[in-house]
N, C-alpha and C. Protein backbone atom coordinates (compact mmCIF):
# COMPACT_ATOMS: atom_id res chain seq x y z
N UNK A 1 0.78 -1.03 0.02
CA UNK A 1 0.03 0.09 -0.07
C UNK A 1 0.99 1.39 -0.08
N UNK A 2 2.04 1.22 0.85
CA UNK A 2 2.73 2.60 0.60
C UNK A 2 3.37 2.68 -0.68
N UNK A 3 3.90 1.29 -1.29
CA UNK A 3 4.30 1.52 -2.51
C UNK A 3 3.57 2.54 -3.78
N UNK A 4 2.20 1.96 -3.16
CA UNK A 4 1.31 2.52 -4.54
C UNK A 4 1.05 4.12 -4.17
N UNK A 5 1.24 4.36 -2.82
CA UNK A 5 0.82 5.68 -2.32
C UNK A 5 2.01 6.72 -3.10
N UNK A 6 2.94 6.07 -2.85
CA UNK A 6 4.39 6.63 -3.24
C UNK A 6 4.43 7.20 -4.71
N UNK A 7 4.03 5.91 -5.27
CA UNK A 7 3.98 6.00 -6.76
C UNK A 7 3.19 6.93 -7.47
N UNK A 8 1.87 7.09 -6.72
CA UNK A 8 0.99 7.71 -7.23
C UNK A 8 1.22 9.43 -6.79
N UNK A 9 2.23 9.47 -5.61
CA UNK A 9 2.67 11.17 -5.38
C UNK A 9 3.56 11.55 -6.26
N UNK A 10 4.13 10.80 -6.95
CA UNK A 10 5.30 10.91 -7.72
C UNK A 10 4.74 11.96 -8.98
N UNK A 11 5.62 12.88 -9.59
CA UNK A 11 4.83 13.80 -11.05
C UNK A 11 5.07 12.49 -11.95
N UNK A 12 4.64 13.00 -13.29
CA UNK A 12 4.76 11.68 -14.38
C UNK A 12 5.97 11.50 -15.07
N UNK A 13 6.78 10.88 -13.94
CA UNK A 13 8.21 10.87 -14.50
C UNK A 13 8.15 9.96 -15.96
N UNK A 14 8.03 9.09 -16.15
CA UNK A 14 7.88 8.48 -17.42
C UNK A 14 7.40 8.84 -18.43
N UNK A 15 6.62 9.85 -18.35
CA UNK A 15 5.97 10.72 -19.58
C UNK A 15 7.24 11.97 -19.65
N UNK A 16 7.73 12.45 -18.63
CA UNK A 16 8.63 13.31 -18.71
C UNK A 16 9.77 13.07 -19.21
N UNK A 17 10.17 12.05 -18.82
CA UNK A 17 11.39 11.13 -19.80
C UNK A 17 11.08 10.94 -20.98
N UNK A 18 10.08 10.22 -21.58
CA UNK A 18 9.84 10.08 -22.84
C UNK A 18 9.80 11.18 -23.62
N UNK A 19 8.92 12.45 -22.95
CA UNK A 19 8.99 13.61 -23.96
C UNK A 19 10.45 14.16 -23.99
N UNK A 20 11.47 14.15 -23.13
CA UNK A 20 12.64 14.78 -23.05
C UNK A 20 13.65 13.99 -24.23
N UNK A 21 13.20 12.66 -24.21
CA UNK A 21 13.66 11.84 -25.37
C UNK A 21 13.44 12.25 -26.83
N UNK A 22 11.92 12.27 -27.03
CA UNK A 22 11.38 12.83 -27.87
C UNK A 22 11.95 13.96 -28.41
N UNK A 23 12.44 14.97 -27.90
CA UNK A 23 12.50 16.11 -27.72
C UNK A 23 14.18 16.17 -28.66
N UNK A 24 14.80 15.39 -27.90
CA UNK A 24 16.27 14.75 -28.66
C UNK A 24 16.30 14.38 -29.63
N UNK A 25 15.33 13.81 -30.22
CA UNK A 25 15.02 12.77 -31.50
C UNK A 25 15.42 11.68 -31.49
N UNK A 26 15.12 11.00 -30.18
CA UNK A 26 15.04 9.58 -29.87
C UNK A 26 13.99 9.19 -29.68
N UNK A 27 13.24 7.58 -29.87
CA UNK A 27 11.95 7.19 -29.80
C UNK A 27 11.70 7.09 -28.32
N UNK A 28 11.63 8.06 -27.51
CA UNK A 28 10.89 8.14 -26.16
C UNK A 28 9.87 7.43 -25.77
N UNK A 29 8.89 7.69 -26.31
CA UNK A 29 7.63 6.98 -26.24
C UNK A 29 7.61 5.65 -26.86
N UNK A 30 8.19 5.38 -27.72
CA UNK A 30 7.95 3.72 -28.06
C UNK A 30 8.80 3.03 -26.85
N UNK A 31 10.18 3.67 -26.34
CA UNK A 31 10.98 2.53 -25.63
C UNK A 31 10.39 2.47 -24.60
N UNK A 32 9.39 3.79 -24.03
CA UNK A 32 8.55 3.70 -22.47
C UNK A 32 7.65 2.67 -23.00
N UNK A 33 6.95 2.74 -24.13
CA UNK A 33 5.67 1.61 -24.14
C UNK A 33 6.49 0.39 -24.13
N UNK A 34 7.55 0.25 -24.97
CA UNK A 34 8.00 -1.57 -24.88
C UNK A 34 8.68 -1.88 -23.63
N UNK A 35 9.26 -0.88 -23.10
CA UNK A 35 9.56 -1.48 -21.68
C UNK A 35 8.20 -1.75 -20.55
N UNK A 36 7.49 -1.15 -20.72
CA UNK A 36 6.34 -1.16 -19.76
C UNK A 36 5.67 -2.64 -20.48
N UNK A 37 5.76 -2.82 -21.68
CA UNK A 37 4.88 -4.11 -22.41
C UNK A 37 5.95 -5.08 -21.68
N UNK A 38 7.03 -5.05 -21.55
CA UNK A 38 7.93 -6.20 -21.48
C UNK A 38 7.70 -6.45 -19.55
N UNK A 39 7.33 -6.09 -19.27
CA UNK A 39 6.95 -5.66 -17.66
C UNK A 39 6.09 -6.16 -17.33
N UNK A 40 4.87 -6.06 -18.11
CA UNK A 40 3.68 -6.63 -18.08
C UNK A 40 3.72 -8.27 -18.49
N UNK A 41 4.46 -8.24 -19.77
CA UNK A 41 4.56 -9.83 -20.21
C UNK A 41 5.34 -10.68 -19.19
N UNK A 42 5.97 -10.05 -18.29
CA UNK A 42 6.78 -10.76 -17.30
C UNK A 42 6.01 -10.83 -16.09
N UNK A 43 5.08 -10.49 -16.00
CA UNK A 43 4.25 -10.25 -14.98
C UNK A 43 5.11 -9.77 -13.69
N UNK A 44 5.59 -8.64 -13.99
CA UNK A 44 6.55 -7.89 -12.88
C UNK A 44 5.13 -6.98 -12.49
N UNK A 45 5.67 -6.72 -10.87
CA UNK A 45 4.47 -5.45 -10.08
C UNK A 45 4.86 -4.19 -10.71
N UNK A 46 3.90 -3.70 -11.36
CA UNK A 46 3.91 -2.40 -11.85
C UNK A 46 2.93 -1.43 -10.79
N UNK A 47 3.86 -0.57 -10.24
CA UNK A 47 2.94 0.45 -9.36
C UNK A 47 2.22 1.44 -9.87
N UNK A 48 2.78 1.66 -11.19
CA UNK A 48 2.02 3.05 -12.00
C UNK A 48 2.09 2.70 -13.53
N UNK A 49 1.18 2.89 -14.03
CA UNK A 49 1.38 2.74 -15.38
C UNK A 49 1.79 3.70 -16.17
N UNK A 50 3.19 3.99 -16.53
CA UNK A 50 3.83 5.28 -16.66
C UNK A 50 3.67 5.27 -18.31
N UNK A 51 3.11 4.22 -19.12
CA UNK A 51 2.85 4.58 -20.52
C UNK A 51 1.45 4.77 -20.85
N UNK A 52 0.44 4.87 -19.68
CA UNK A 52 -0.67 5.04 -19.83
C UNK A 52 -1.08 6.39 -19.56
N UNK A 53 -0.31 7.35 -19.04
CA UNK A 53 -0.43 8.73 -18.54
C UNK A 53 -0.67 9.67 -19.40
């Protein structure tokens, strides 16, 4: 429960990271989506859906 509350309190770090990479001409959004997809496929615990914000 604490981990989920902590994750929800953070700013949208995934979106910020992806946007910065996109601005630098890199595929930030695609990388974030691929990484999150791999986490889901491996049934890893995800405290926040960074790619869906």
